[in-house]
PDB file of N, CA and C in Angstrom:
ATOM      1  N   MET A   1     -90.895  86.997 137.732  1.00  0.00           N
ATOM      2  CA  MET A   1     -89.797  86.736 136.794  1.00  0.00           C
ATOM      3  C   MET A   1     -88.421  87.287 137.553  1.00  0.00           C
ATOM      4  N   SER A   2     -87.480  86.615 137.559  1.00  0.00           N
ATOM      5  CA  SER A   2     -86.302  87.010 138.257  1.00  0.00           C
ATOM      6  C   SER A   2     -85.504  88.008 137.292  1.00  0.00           C
ATOM      7  N   THR A   3     -84.575  88.746 137.830  1.00  0.00           N
ATOM      8  CA  THR A   3     -83.776  89.488 137.034  1.00  0.00           C
ATOM      9  C   THR A   3     -82.735  88.629 136.201  1.00  0.00           C
ATOM     10  N   ILE A   4     -82.528  89.146 134.926  1.00  0.00           N
ATOM     11  CA  ILE A   4     -81.637  88.384 134.242  1.00  0.00           C
ATOM     12  C   ILE A   4     -80.358  89.223 133.991  1.00  0.00           C
ATOM     13  N   GLU A   5     -79.130  88.586 133.735  1.00  0.00           N
ATOM     14  CA  GLU A   5     -77.897  89.281 133.431  1.00  0.00           C
ATOM     15  C   GLU A   5     -78.008  89.438 131.848  1.00  0.00           C
ATOM     16  N   MET A   6     -77.678  90.678 131.399  1.00  0.00           N
ATOM     17  CA  MET A   6     -77.678  90.887 129.937  1.00  0.00           C
ATOM     18  C   MET A   6     -76.376  91.193 129.443  1.00  0.00           C
ATOM     19  N   THR A   7     -76.026  90.620 128.293  1.00  0.00           N
ATOM     20  CA  THR A   7     -74.656  91.045 127.686  1.00  0.00           C
ATOM     21  C   THR A   7     -74.924  91.586 126.346  1.00  0.00           C
ATOM     22  N   ALA A   8     -73.872  92.070 125.545  1.00  0.00           N
ATOM     23  CA  ALA A   8     -73.979  92.679 124.239  1.00  0.00           C
ATOM     24  C   ALA A   8     -74.543  91.571 123.257  1.00  0.00           C
ATOM     25  N   ALA A   9     -74.232  90.321 123.521  1.00  0.00           N
ATOM     26  CA  ALA A   9     -74.717  89.251 122.717  1.00  0.00           C
ATOM     27  C   ALA A   9     -76.310  89.119 122.717  1.00  0.00           C
ATOM     28  N   ASP A  10     -76.912  89.346 123.808  1.00  0.00           N
ATOM     29  CA  ASP A  10     -78.376  89.225 123.839  1.00  0.00           C
ATOM     30  C   ASP A  10     -79.196  90.402 124.041  1.00  0.00           C
ATOM     31  N   PHE A  11     -78.425  91.585 124.126  1.00  0.00           N
ATOM     32  CA  PHE A  11     -79.129  92.881 124.201  1.00  0.00           C
ATOM     33  C   PHE A  11     -80.173  93.093 123.178  1.00  0.00           C
ATOM     34  N   GLU A  12     -79.939  93.117 122.021  1.00  0.00           N
ATOM     35  CA  GLU A  12     -80.833  93.520 120.909  1.00  0.00           C
ATOM     36  C   GLU A  12     -82.104  92.574 120.968  1.00  0.00           C
ATOM     37  N   GLN A  13     -81.652  91.212 120.985  1.00  0.00           N
ATOM     38  CA  GLN A  13     -82.662  90.193 120.963  1.00  0.00           C
ATOM     39  C   GLN A  13     -83.718  90.277 122.127  1.00  0.00           C
ATOM     40  N   THR A  14     -83.244  90.655 123.368  1.00  0.00           N
ATOM     41  CA  THR A  14     -84.025  90.785 124.401  1.00  0.00           C
ATOM     42  C   THR A  14     -84.915  91.950 124.308  1.00  0.00           C
ATOM     43  N   ILE A  15     -84.370  93.091 123.891  1.00  0.00           N
ATOM     44  CA  ILE A  15     -85.337  94.259 123.926  1.00  0.00           C
ATOM     45  C   ILE A  15     -86.348  94.157 122.728  1.00  0.00           C
ATOM     46  N   THR A  16     -86.051  93.513 121.651  1.00  0.00           N
ATOM     47  CA  THR A  16     -87.035  93.447 120.402  1.00  0.00           C
ATOM     48  C   THR A  16     -87.896  92.254 120.554  1.00  0.00           C
ATOM     49  N   GLU A  17     -87.769  91.328 121.354  1.00  0.00           N
ATOM     50  CA  GLU A  17     -88.527  90.209 121.275  1.00  0.00           C
ATOM     51  C   GLU A  17     -89.517  90.099 122.651  1.00  0.00           C
ATOM     52  N   ASN A  18     -89.390  91.157 123.418  1.00  0.00           N
ATOM     53  CA  ASN A  18     -90.225  91.219 124.729  1.00  0.00           C
ATOM     54  C   ASN A  18     -90.938  92.606 124.707  1.00  0.00           C
ATOM     55  N   GLY A  19     -92.207  92.640 125.219  1.00  0.00           N
ATOM     56  CA  GLY A  19     -93.076  93.921 125.227  1.00  0.00           C
ATOM     57  C   GLY A  19     -92.369  95.079 126.093  1.00  0.00           C
ATOM     58  N   ILE A  20     -91.979  94.736 127.212  1.00  0.00           N
ATOM     59  CA  ILE A  20     -91.422  95.875 128.095  1.00  0.00           C
ATOM     60  C   ILE A  20     -90.233  95.165 128.706  1.00  0.00           C
ATOM     61  N   VAL A  21     -88.961  95.994 128.614  1.00  0.00           N
ATOM     62  CA  VAL A  21     -87.749  95.552 129.121  1.00  0.00           C
ATOM     63  C   VAL A  21     -87.248  96.717 129.870  1.00  0.00           C
ATOM     64  N   LEU A  22     -86.930  96.465 131.252  1.00  0.00           N
ATOM     65  CA  LEU A  22     -86.240  97.432 132.117  1.00  0.00           C
ATOM     66  C   LEU A  22     -84.830  96.952 132.273  1.00  0.00           C
ATOM     67  N   VAL A  23     -83.806  97.938 132.040  1.00  0.00           N
ATOM     68  CA  VAL A  23     -82.345  97.617 132.053  1.00  0.00           C
ATOM     69  C   VAL A  23     -81.767  98.479 133.107  1.00  0.00           C
ATOM     70  N   ASP A  24     -81.069  97.877 133.975  1.00  0.00           N
ATOM     71  CA  ASP A  24     -80.186  98.618 135.151  1.00  0.00           C
ATOM     72  C   ASP A  24     -78.919  98.356 134.597  1.00  0.00           C
ATOM     73  N   PHE A  25     -78.223  99.536 134.339  1.00  0.00           N
ATOM     74  CA  PHE A  25     -76.713  99.480 134.114  1.00  0.00           C
ATOM     75  C   PHE A  25     -76.132  99.637 135.491  1.00  0.00           C
ATOM     76  N   TRP A  26     -75.076  99.040 135.873  1.00  0.00           N
ATOM     77  CA  TRP A  26     -74.580  99.027 137.321  1.00  0.00           C
ATOM     78  C   TRP A  26     -73.153  98.638 137.220  1.00  0.00           C
ATOM     79  N   ALA A  27     -72.522  98.739 138.350  1.00  0.00           N
ATOM     80  CA  ALA A  27     -71.164  98.123 138.667  1.00  0.00           C
ATOM     81  C   ALA A  27     -71.057  97.716 140.116  1.00  0.00           C
ATOM     82  N   SER A  28     -70.277  96.879 140.270  1.00  0.00           N
ATOM     83  CA  SER A  28     -70.317  96.282 141.742  1.00  0.00           C
ATOM     84  C   SER A  28     -69.677  97.215 142.698  1.00  0.00           C
ATOM     85  N   TRP A  29     -68.845  98.167 142.263  1.00  0.00           N
ATOM     86  CA  TRP A  29     -68.160  99.179 143.158  1.00  0.00           C
ATOM     87  C   TRP A  29     -68.960 100.477 143.418  1.00  0.00           C
ATOM     88  N   CYS A  30     -70.202 100.553 142.743  1.00  0.00           N
ATOM     89  CA  CYS A  30     -71.143 101.661 142.828  1.00  0.00           C
ATOM     90  C   CYS A  30     -72.022 101.458 144.108  1.00  0.00           C
ATOM     91  N   GLY A  31     -71.732 102.497 145.063  1.00  0.00           N
ATOM     92  CA  GLY A  31     -72.712 102.323 146.049  1.00  0.00           C
ATOM     93  C   GLY A  31     -74.265 102.569 145.936  1.00  0.00           C
ATOM     94  N   PRO A  32     -74.624 103.677 145.112  1.00  0.00           N
ATOM     95  CA  PRO A  32     -75.948 103.749 144.773  1.00  0.00           C
ATOM     96  C   PRO A  32     -76.620 102.505 143.919  1.00  0.00           C
ATOM     97  N   CYS A  33     -75.664 101.889 143.065  1.00  0.00           N
ATOM     98  CA  CYS A  33     -76.082 100.657 142.269  1.00  0.00           C
ATOM     99  C   CYS A  33     -76.567  99.582 143.368  1.00  0.00           C
ATOM    100  N   ARG A  34     -75.686  99.423 144.340  1.00  0.00           N
ATOM    101  CA  ARG A  34     -75.881  98.443 145.382  1.00  0.00           C
ATOM    102  C   ARG A  34     -77.273  98.710 146.029  1.00  0.00           C
ATOM    103  N   ARG A  35     -77.428  99.946 146.551  1.00  0.00           N
ATOM    104  CA  ARG A  35     -78.694 100.356 147.155  1.00  0.00           C
ATOM    105  C   ARG A  35     -79.932 100.068 146.209  1.00  0.00           C
ATOM    106  N   PHE A  36     -79.830 100.393 144.816  1.00  0.00           N
ATOM    107  CA  PHE A  36     -80.851 100.136 143.890  1.00  0.00           C
ATOM    108  C   PHE A  36     -81.255  98.815 143.648  1.00  0.00           C
ATOM    109  N   ALA A  37     -80.175  97.910 143.814  1.00  0.00           N
ATOM    110  CA  ALA A  37     -80.453  96.427 143.474  1.00  0.00           C
ATOM    111  C   ALA A  37     -81.553  95.873 143.962  1.00  0.00           C
ATOM    112  N   PRO A  38     -81.801  95.822 145.438  1.00  0.00           N
ATOM    113  CA  PRO A  38     -82.951  95.046 145.970  1.00  0.00           C
ATOM    114  C   PRO A  38     -84.269  95.769 145.568  1.00  0.00           C
ATOM    115  N   ILE A  39     -84.350  96.983 145.331  1.00  0.00           N
ATOM    116  CA  ILE A  39     -85.535  97.716 144.767  1.00  0.00           C
ATOM    117  C   ILE A  39     -85.952  97.161 143.372  1.00  0.00           C
ATOM    118  N   PHE A  40     -84.930  97.138 142.487  1.00  0.00           N
ATOM    119  CA  PHE A  40     -85.035  96.611 141.187  1.00  0.00           C
ATOM    120  C   PHE A  40     -85.531  95.120 141.212  1.00  0.00           C
ATOM    121  N   ALA A  41     -84.849  94.295 142.044  1.00  0.00           N
ATOM    122  CA  ALA A  41     -85.219  92.839 142.194  1.00  0.00           C
ATOM    123  C   ALA A  41     -86.596  92.708 142.742  1.00  0.00           C
ATOM    124  N   ALA A  42     -87.055  93.484 143.806  1.00  0.00           N
ATOM    125  CA  ALA A  42     -88.529  93.369 144.319  1.00  0.00           C
ATOM    126  C   ALA A  42     -89.428  93.720 143.229  1.00  0.00           C
ATOM    127  N   ALA A  43     -89.122  94.748 142.337  1.00  0.00           N
ATOM    128  CA  ALA A  43     -90.139  94.952 141.338  1.00  0.00           C
ATOM    129  C   ALA A  43     -90.170  94.097 140.217  1.00  0.00           C
ATOM    130  N   SER A  44     -89.013  93.296 140.137  1.00  0.00           N
ATOM    131  CA  SER A  44     -88.994  92.258 139.161  1.00  0.00           C
ATOM    132  C   SER A  44     -89.913  90.992 139.673  1.00  0.00           C
ATOM    133  N   ASP A  45     -89.792  90.846 140.951  1.00  0.00           N
ATOM    134  CA  ASP A  45     -90.746  89.834 141.499  1.00  0.00           C
ATOM    135  C   ASP A  45     -92.235  90.126 141.509  1.00  0.00           C
ATOM    136  N   GLN A  46     -92.483  91.460 141.465  1.00  0.00           N
ATOM    137  CA  GLN A  46     -93.945  92.003 141.364  1.00  0.00           C
ATOM    138  C   GLN A  46     -94.530  91.902 139.932  1.00  0.00           C
ATOM    139  N   HIS A  47     -93.645  92.331 139.089  1.00  0.00           N
ATOM    140  CA  HIS A  47     -94.070  92.588 137.606  1.00  0.00           C
ATOM    141  C   HIS A  47     -93.573  91.439 136.748  1.00  0.00           C
ATOM    142  N   THR A  48     -94.170  90.362 136.797  1.00  0.00           N
ATOM    143  CA  THR A  48     -93.560  88.983 136.080  1.00  0.00           C
ATOM    144  C   THR A  48     -93.775  89.210 134.642  1.00  0.00           C
ATOM    145  N   ASP A  49     -94.538  90.204 134.117  1.00  0.00           N
ATOM    146  CA  ASP A  49     -94.824  90.239 132.743  1.00  0.00           C
ATOM    147  C   ASP A  49     -93.872  91.035 132.011  1.00  0.00           C
ATOM    148  N   ILE A  50     -92.897  91.758 132.940  1.00  0.00           N
ATOM    149  CA  ILE A  50     -91.907  92.679 132.397  1.00  0.00           C
ATOM    150  C   ILE A  50     -90.583  91.913 132.499  1.00  0.00           C
ATOM    151  N   VAL A  51     -89.664  92.124 131.506  1.00  0.00           N
ATOM    152  CA  VAL A  51     -88.275  91.645 131.622  1.00  0.00           C
ATOM    153  C   VAL A  51     -87.493  92.553 132.369  1.00  0.00           C
ATOM    154  N   PHE A  52     -86.776  92.126 133.530  1.00  0.00           N
ATOM    155  CA  PHE A  52     -85.900  93.083 134.236  1.00  0.00           C
ATOM    156  C   PHE A  52     -84.542  92.471 133.941  1.00  0.00           C
ATOM    157  N   ALA A  53     -83.692  93.364 133.491  1.00  0.00           N
ATOM    158  CA  ALA A  53     -82.420  92.923 133.064  1.00  0.00           C
ATOM    159  C   ALA A  53     -81.229  93.860 133.658  1.00  0.00           C
ATOM    160  N   LYS A  54     -80.018  93.266 133.960  1.00  0.00           N
ATOM    161  CA  LYS A  54     -79.082  94.001 134.509  1.00  0.00           C
ATOM    162  C   LYS A  54     -77.780  93.952 133.602  1.00  0.00           C
ATOM    163  N   VAL A  55     -77.097  95.065 133.419  1.00  0.00           N
ATOM    164  CA  VAL A  55     -75.894  95.206 132.532  1.00  0.00           C
ATOM    165  C   VAL A  55     -74.663  95.484 133.501  1.00  0.00           C
ATOM    166  N   ASP A  56     -73.832  94.731 133.736  1.00  0.00           N
ATOM    167  CA  ASP A  56     -72.589  94.943 134.430  1.00  0.00           C
ATOM    168  C   ASP A  56     -71.847  95.814 133.519  1.00  0.00           C
ATOM    169  N   THR A  57     -71.517  97.198 133.773  1.00  0.00           N
ATOM    170  CA  THR A  57     -70.815  97.951 132.948  1.00  0.00           C
ATOM    171  C   THR A  57     -69.356  97.783 133.035  1.00  0.00           C
ATOM    172  N   GLU A  58     -68.770  97.121 133.927  1.00  0.00           N
ATOM    173  CA  GLU A  58     -67.450  96.626 133.984  1.00  0.00           C
ATOM    174  C   GLU A  58     -67.103  95.563 132.981  1.00  0.00           C
ATOM    175  N   ALA A  59     -67.990  94.576 132.967  1.00  0.00           N
ATOM    176  CA  ALA A  59     -67.808  93.442 132.177  1.00  0.00           C
ATOM    177  C   ALA A  59     -68.330  93.715 130.635  1.00  0.00           C
ATOM    178  N   GLU A  60     -69.260  94.731 130.636  1.00  0.00           N
ATOM    179  CA  GLU A  60     -69.889  94.994 129.259  1.00  0.00           C
ATOM    180  C   GLU A  60     -69.586  96.469 128.772  1.00  0.00           C
ATOM    181  N   GLN A  61     -68.275  96.719 128.912  1.00  0.00           N
ATOM    182  CA  GLN A  61     -67.994  98.160 128.601  1.00  0.00           C
ATOM    183  C   GLN A  61     -68.419  98.631 127.230  1.00  0.00           C
ATOM    184  N   GLY A  62     -68.276  97.846 126.320  1.00  0.00           N
ATOM    185  CA  GLY A  62     -68.713  98.152 124.900  1.00  0.00           C
ATOM    186  C   GLY A  62     -70.120  98.491 124.868  1.00  0.00           C
ATOM    187  N   LEU A  63     -70.912  97.595 125.503  1.00  0.00           N
ATOM    188  CA  LEU A  63     -72.406  97.667 125.469  1.00  0.00           C
ATOM    189  C   LEU A  63     -72.761  99.069 126.186  1.00  0.00           C
ATOM    190  N   ALA A  64     -72.161  99.320 127.341  1.00  0.00           N
ATOM    191  CA  ALA A  64     -72.356 100.571 128.183  1.00  0.00           C
ATOM    192  C   ALA A  64     -72.019 101.825 127.300  1.00  0.00           C
ATOM    193  N   ALA A  65     -71.001 101.701 126.582  1.00  0.00           N
ATOM    194  CA  ALA A  65     -70.513 102.822 125.681  1.00  0.00           C
ATOM    195  C   ALA A  65     -71.581 102.966 124.538  1.00  0.00           C
ATOM    196  N   ALA A  66     -71.995 102.027 123.912  1.00  0.00           N
ATOM    197  CA  ALA A  66     -73.018 101.998 122.856  1.00  0.00           C
ATOM    198  C   ALA A  66     -74.372 102.531 123.361  1.00  0.00           C
ATOM    199  N   ALA A  67     -74.684 102.344 124.512  1.00  0.00           N
ATOM    200  CA  ALA A  67     -75.911 102.789 125.288  1.00  0.00           C
ATOM    201  C   ALA A  67     -75.846 104.121 125.686  1.00  0.00           C
ATOM    202  N   GLY A  68     -74.618 104.778 125.751  1.00  0.00           N
ATOM    203  CA  GLY A  68     -74.363 106.065 126.069  1.00  0.00           C
ATOM    204  C   GLY A  68     -74.364 106.243 127.573  1.00  0.00           C
ATOM    205  N   ILE A  69     -73.916 105.326 128.293  1.00  0.00           N
ATOM    206  CA  ILE A  69     -74.073 105.393 129.677  1.00  0.00           C
ATOM    207  C   ILE A  69     -72.856 106.138 130.192  1.00  0.00           C
ATOM    208  N   THR A  70     -73.016 107.161 130.943  1.00  0.00           N
ATOM    209  CA  THR A  70     -72.050 108.049 131.501  1.00  0.00           C
ATOM    210  C   THR A  70     -72.090 108.282 132.982  1.00  0.00           C
ATOM    211  N   SER A  71     -73.173 107.627 133.583  1.00  0.00           N
ATOM    212  CA  SER A  71     -73.443 107.732 135.067  1.00  0.00           C
ATOM    213  C   SER A  71     -74.122 106.505 135.327  1.00  0.00           C
ATOM    214  N   ILE A  72     -73.785 105.792 136.535  1.00  0.00           N
ATOM    215  CA  ILE A  72     -74.348 104.464 136.961  1.00  0.00           C
ATOM    216  C   ILE A  72     -74.953 104.890 138.440  1.00  0.00           C
ATOM    217  N   PRO A  73     -76.072 104.160 138.839  1.00  0.00           N
ATOM    218  CA  PRO A  73     -76.828 103.342 137.948  1.00  0.00           C
ATOM    219  C   PRO A  73     -77.698 104.224 136.858  1.00  0.00           C
ATOM    220  N   THR A  74     -77.809 103.631 135.773  1.00  0.00           N
ATOM    221  CA  THR A  74     -78.897 104.237 134.853  1.00  0.00           C
ATOM    222  C   THR A  74     -79.840 103.238 134.604  1.00  0.00           C
ATOM    223  N   LEU A  75     -81.083 103.716 134.657  1.00  0.00           N
ATOM    224  CA  LEU A  75     -82.308 102.830 134.155  1.00  0.00           C
ATOM    225  C   LEU A  75     -82.769 103.223 132.813  1.00  0.00           C
ATOM    226  N   MET A  76     -82.929 102.217 132.037  1.00  0.00           N
ATOM    227  CA  MET A  76     -83.440 102.412 130.711  1.00  0.00           C
ATOM    228  C   MET A  76     -84.729 101.352 130.679  1.00  0.00           C
ATOM    229  N   ALA A  77     -85.713 101.958 129.848  1.00  0.00           N
ATOM    230  CA  ALA A  77     -86.934 101.210 129.710  1.00  0.00           C
ATOM    231  C   ALA A  77     -87.125 101.105 128.176  1.00  0.00           C
ATOM    232  N   PHE A  78     -87.315  99.888 127.720  1.00  0.00           N
ATOM    233  CA  PHE A  78     -87.738  99.758 126.185  1.00  0.00           C
ATOM    234  C   PHE A  78     -89.053  99.139 126.190  1.00  0.00           C
ATOM    235  N   LYS A  79     -89.996  99.789 125.271  1.00  0.00           N
ATOM    236  CA  LYS A  79     -91.343  99.106 124.902  1.00  0.00           C
ATOM    237  C   LYS A  79     -91.367  98.778 123.440  1.00  0.00           C
ATOM    238  N   GLU A  80     -91.752  97.747 123.174  1.00  0.00           N
ATOM    239  CA  GLU A  80     -91.948  97.267 121.824  1.00  0.00           C
ATOM    240  C   GLU A  80     -90.609  97.564 120.970  1.00  0.00           C
ATOM    241  N   GLY A  81     -89.531  97.321 121.784  1.00  0.00           N
ATOM    242  CA  GLY A  81     -88.344  97.492 121.032  1.00  0.00           C
ATOM    243  C   GLY A  81     -87.753  99.015 121.019  1.00  0.00           C
ATOM    244  N   ALA A  82     -88.437  99.910 121.397  1.00  0.00           N
ATOM    245  CA  ALA A  82     -88.094 101.355 121.471  1.00  0.00           C
ATOM    246  C   ALA A  82     -87.569 101.802 122.735  1.00  0.00           C
ATOM    247  N   LEU A  83     -86.562 102.581 122.826  1.00  0.00           N
ATOM    248  CA  LEU A  83     -86.285 103.224 124.145  1.00  0.00           C
ATOM    249  C   LEU A  83     -87.278 104.271 124.459  1.00  0.00           C
ATOM    250  N   VAL A  84     -87.795 104.193 125.633  1.00  0.00           N
ATOM    251  CA  VAL A  84     -88.866 105.057 125.979  1.00  0.00           C
ATOM    252  C   VAL A  84     -88.531 105.790 127.284  1.00  0.00           C
ATOM    253  N   PHE A  85     -87.524 105.404 127.987  1.00  0.00           N
ATOM    254  CA  PHE A  85     -87.253 106.169 129.165  1.00  0.00           C
ATOM    255  C   PHE A  85     -85.655 105.873 129.496  1.00  0.00           C
ATOM    256  N   SER A  86     -85.011 106.775 130.011  1.00  0.00           N
ATOM    257  CA  SER A  86     -83.624 106.638 130.382  1.00  0.00           C
ATOM    258  C   SER A  86     -83.224 107.634 131.259  1.00  0.00           C
ATOM    259  N   GLN A  87     -82.740 107.185 132.576  1.00  0.00           N
ATOM    260  CA  GLN A  87     -82.488 108.207 133.526  1.00  0.00           C
ATOM    261  C   GLN A  87     -81.337 107.604 134.531  1.00  0.00           C
ATOM    262  N   PRO A  88     -80.224 108.402 134.800  1.00  0.00           N
ATOM    263  CA  PRO A  88     -79.156 108.100 135.710  1.00  0.00           C
ATOM    264  C   PRO A  88     -79.689 108.286 137.084  1.00  0.00           C
ATOM    265  N   GLY A  89     -79.221 107.448 138.187  1.00  0.00           N
ATOM    266  CA  GLY A  89     -79.462 107.599 139.482  1.00  0.00           C
ATOM    267  C   GLY A  89     -80.311 106.599 140.060  1.00  0.00           C
ATOM    268  N   ALA A  90     -80.094 106.111 141.279  1.00  0.00           N
ATOM    269  CA  ALA A  90     -81.031 105.145 141.958  1.00  0.00           C
ATOM    270  C   ALA A  90     -82.234 105.718 142.233  1.00  0.00           C
ATOM    271  N   LEU A  91     -83.387 105.062 141.964  1.00  0.00           N
ATOM    272  CA  LEU A  91     -84.692 105.257 142.085  1.00  0.00           C
ATOM    273  C   LEU A  91     -85.180 104.776 143.388  1.00  0.00           C
ATOM    274  N   PRO A  92     -85.990 105.572 144.081  1.00  0.00           N
ATOM    275  CA  PRO A  92     -86.822 104.864 145.189  1.00  0.00           C
ATOM    276  C   PRO A  92     -87.803 104.024 144.621  1.00  0.00           C
ATOM    277  N   ALA A  93     -88.346 103.104 145.490  1.00  0.00           N
ATOM    278  CA  ALA A  93     -89.332 102.206 144.944  1.00  0.00           C
ATOM    279  C   ALA A  93     -90.469 102.794 144.370  1.00  0.00           C
ATOM    280  N   HIS A  94     -91.029 103.827 145.128  1.00  0.00           N
ATOM    281  CA  HIS A  94     -92.160 104.455 144.481  1.00  0.00           C
ATOM    282  C   HIS A  94     -91.902 105.077 143.259  1.00  0.00           C
ATOM    283  N   ALA A  95     -90.794 105.650 142.922  1.00  0.00           N
ATOM    284  CA  ALA A  95     -90.437 106.227 141.687  1.00  0.00           C
ATOM    285  C   ALA A  95     -90.417 105.133 140.531  1.00  0.00           C
ATOM    286  N   LEU A  96     -89.812 103.978 140.944  1.00  0.00           N
ATOM    287  CA  LEU A  96     -89.605 102.910 139.999  1.00  0.00           C
ATOM    288  C   LEU A  96     -91.126 102.576 139.665  1.00  0.00           C
ATOM    289  N   GLU A  97     -92.001 102.374 140.488  1.00  0.00           N
ATOM    290  CA  GLU A  97     -93.359 101.875 140.300  1.00  0.00           C
ATOM    291  C   GLU A  97     -94.064 102.984 139.281  1.00  0.00           C
ATOM    292  N   GLN A  98     -93.657 104.317 139.474  1.00  0.00           N
ATOM    293  CA  GLN A  98     -94.315 105.342 138.594  1.00  0.00           C
ATOM    294  C   GLN A  98     -93.701 105.151 137.158  1.00  0.00           C
ATOM    295  N   VAL A  99     -92.401 104.789 137.024  1.00  0.00           N
ATOM    296  CA  VAL A  99     -91.860 104.410 135.774  1.00  0.00           C
ATOM    297  C   VAL A  99     -92.603 103.384 135.078  1.00  0.00           C
ATOM    298  N   ILE A 100     -92.670 102.292 135.852  1.00  0.00           N
ATOM    299  CA  ILE A 100     -93.282 101.152 135.409  1.00  0.00           C
ATOM    300  C   ILE A 100     -94.658 101.387 134.812  1.00  0.00           C
ATOM    301  N   ALA A 101     -95.532 102.130 135.530  1.00  0.00           N
ATOM    302  CA  ALA A 101     -96.907 102.356 135.228  1.00  0.00           C
ATOM    303  C   ALA A 101     -96.964 103.457 133.950  1.00  0.00           C
ATOM    304  N   ALA A 102     -96.054 104.317 133.794  1.00  0.00           N
ATOM    305  CA  ALA A 102     -95.993 105.194 132.683  1.00  0.00           C
ATOM    306  C   ALA A 102     -95.599 104.427 131.500  1.00  0.00           C
ATOM    307  N   VAL A 103     -94.636 103.514 131.566  1.00  0.00           N
ATOM    308  CA  VAL A 103     -94.214 102.662 130.480  1.00  0.00           C
ATOM    309  C   VAL A 103     -95.431 101.893 130.014  1.00  0.00           C
ATOM    310  N   ARG A 104     -96.128 101.174 130.912  1.00  0.00           N
ATOM    311  CA  ARG A 104     -97.266 100.288 130.544  1.00  0.00           C
ATOM    312  C   ARG A 104     -98.321 101.094 129.840  1.00  0.00           C
ATOM    313  N   ASP A 105     -98.513 102.434 130.368  1.00  0.00           N
ATOM    314  CA  ASP A 105     -99.580 103.172 129.775  1.00  0.00           C
ATOM    315  C   ASP A 105     -99.299 103.820 128.521  1.00  0.00           C
ATOM    316  N   LEU A 106     -97.940 103.909 128.037  1.00  0.00           N
ATOM    317  CA  LEU A 106     -97.475 104.686 126.893  1.00  0.00           C
ATOM    318  C   LEU A 106     -98.154 104.028 125.599  1.00  0.00           C
ATOM    319  N   ASP A 107     -98.812 104.907 124.875  1.00  0.00           N
ATOM    320  CA  ASP A 107     -99.499 104.555 123.513  1.00  0.00           C
ATOM    321  C   ASP A 107     -98.264 104.595 122.622  1.00  0.00           C
ATOM    322  N   MET A 108     -97.679 103.503 122.161  1.00  0.00           N
ATOM    323  CA  MET A 108     -96.690 103.397 121.288  1.00  0.00           C
ATOM    324  C   MET A 108     -97.033 103.930 119.817  1.00  0.00           C
ATOM    325  N   VAL A 109     -98.285 103.738 119.304  1.00  0.00           N
ATOM    326  CA  VAL A 109     -98.611 104.332 117.953  1.00  0.00           C
ATOM    327  C   VAL A 109     -98.449 105.839 118.056  1.00  0.00           C
ATOM    328  N   LYS A 110     -98.892 106.414 119.174  1.00  0.00           N
ATOM    329  CA  LYS A 110     -98.790 107.994 119.337  1.00  0.00           C
ATOM    330  C   LYS A 110     -97.313 108.337 119.515  1.00  0.00           C
ATOM    331  N   ALA A 111     -96.610 107.600 120.269  1.00  0.00           N
ATOM    332  CA  ALA A 111     -95.067 107.919 120.625  1.00  0.00           C
ATOM    333  C   ALA A 111     -94.294 107.797 119.369  1.00  0.00           C
ATOM    334  N   ARG A 112     -94.566 106.870 118.548  1.00  0.00           N
ATOM    335  CA  ARG A 112     -93.860 106.656 117.306  1.00  0.00           C
ATOM    336  C   ARG A 112     -94.113 107.733 116.330  1.00  0.00           C
ATOM    337  N   ALA A 113     -95.388 108.194 116.239  1.00  0.00           N
ATOM    338  CA  ALA A 113     -95.790 109.202 115.430  1.00  0.00           C
ATOM    339  C   ALA A 113     -95.030 110.520 115.823  1.00  0.00           C
ATOM    340  N   GLU A 114     -95.093 110.845 117.141  1.00  0.00           N
ATOM    341  CA  GLU A 114     -94.424 111.943 117.691  1.00  0.00           C
ATOM    342  C   GLU A 114     -92.955 111.976 117.250  1.00  0.00           C
ATOM    343  N   ALA A 115     -92.357 110.696 117.591  1.00  0.00           N
ATOM    344  CA  ALA A 115     -90.886 110.660 117.263  1.00  0.00           C
ATOM    345  C   ALA A 115     -90.634 110.853 115.718  1.00  0.00           C
ATOM    346  N   ALA A 116     -91.489 110.287 114.878  1.00  0.00           N
ATOM    347  CA  ALA A 116     -91.258 110.552 113.489  1.00  0.00           C
ATOM    348  C   ALA A 116     -91.341 112.043 113.160  1.00  0.00           C
ATOM    349  N   ALA A 117     -92.463 112.851 113.806  1.00  0.00           N
ATOM    350  CA  ALA A 117     -92.636 114.014 113.520  1.00  0.00           C
ATOM    351  C   ALA A 117     -91.304 114.882 113.772  1.00  0.00           C
ATOM    352  N   ARG A 118     -90.620 114.480 114.878  1.00  0.00           N
ATOM    353  CA  ARG A 118     -89.544 115.160 115.390  1.00  0.00           C
ATOM    354  C   ARG A 118     -88.159 114.747 114.479  1.00  0.00           C
ATOM    355  N   GLY A 119     -88.420 113.661 113.781  1.00  0.00           N
ATOM    356  CA  GLY A 119     -87.342 113.258 113.088  1.00  0.00           C
ATOM    357  C   GLY A 119     -86.305 112.290 113.978  1.00  0.00           C
ATOM    358  N   ASP A 120     -86.872 111.977 115.025  1.00  0.00           N
ATOM    359  CA  ASP A 120     -86.081 111.049 116.000  1.00  0.00           C
ATOM    360  C   ASP A 120     -86.241 109.622 115.686  1.00  0.00           C
ATOM    361  N   ALA A 121     -85.206 109.052 115.103  1.00  0.00           N
ATOM    362  CA  ALA A 121     -85.322 107.594 114.633  1.00  0.00           C
ATOM    363  C   ALA A 121     -84.949 106.740 115.908  1.00  0.00           C
ATOM    364  N   ARG A 122     -84.219 107.357 116.835  1.00  0.00           N
ATOM    365  CA  ARG A 122     -83.669 106.340 117.932  1.00  0.00           C
ATOM    366  C   ARG A 122     -84.764 106.013 118.932  1.00  0.00           C
ATOM    367  N   SER A 123     -85.758 106.900 119.245  1.00  0.00           N
ATOM    368  CA  SER A 123     -86.582 106.757 120.219  1.00  0.00           C
ATOM    369  C   SER A 123     -88.096 106.278 119.647  1.00  0.00           C
ATOM    370  N   ALA A 124     -88.884 105.475 120.288  1.00  0.00           N
ATOM    371  CA  ALA A 124     -90.122 105.266 120.077  1.00  0.00           C
ATOM    372  C   ALA A 124     -90.045 104.750 118.592  1.00  0.00           C
TER     373      ALA A 124
END
């Protein structure tokens, strides 16, 4: 699957209607964002069962603010509609593959129980 452009209008629907969604928050003027883009695109081609989405923080300032983006690039991973990973900085390909593997292996029943025990309604 190729990478999709995500906006505030389709953000919620995309993350809730797909099993795993990786979101790259970026801007065209950001050097690390430009270096991460081909890594993200290559992973998108390899993992066709995952939705890979990009949010242009310049065009979608409200969405970036709502997501708490303070540094770009920032990668967020959602599984079954829950935020399970968020990290600023451009990842090398092997690190992105580790994130993908960890998200795939994450037991959401256990993660949601742990989040509930912490009183954390935002994650898992």
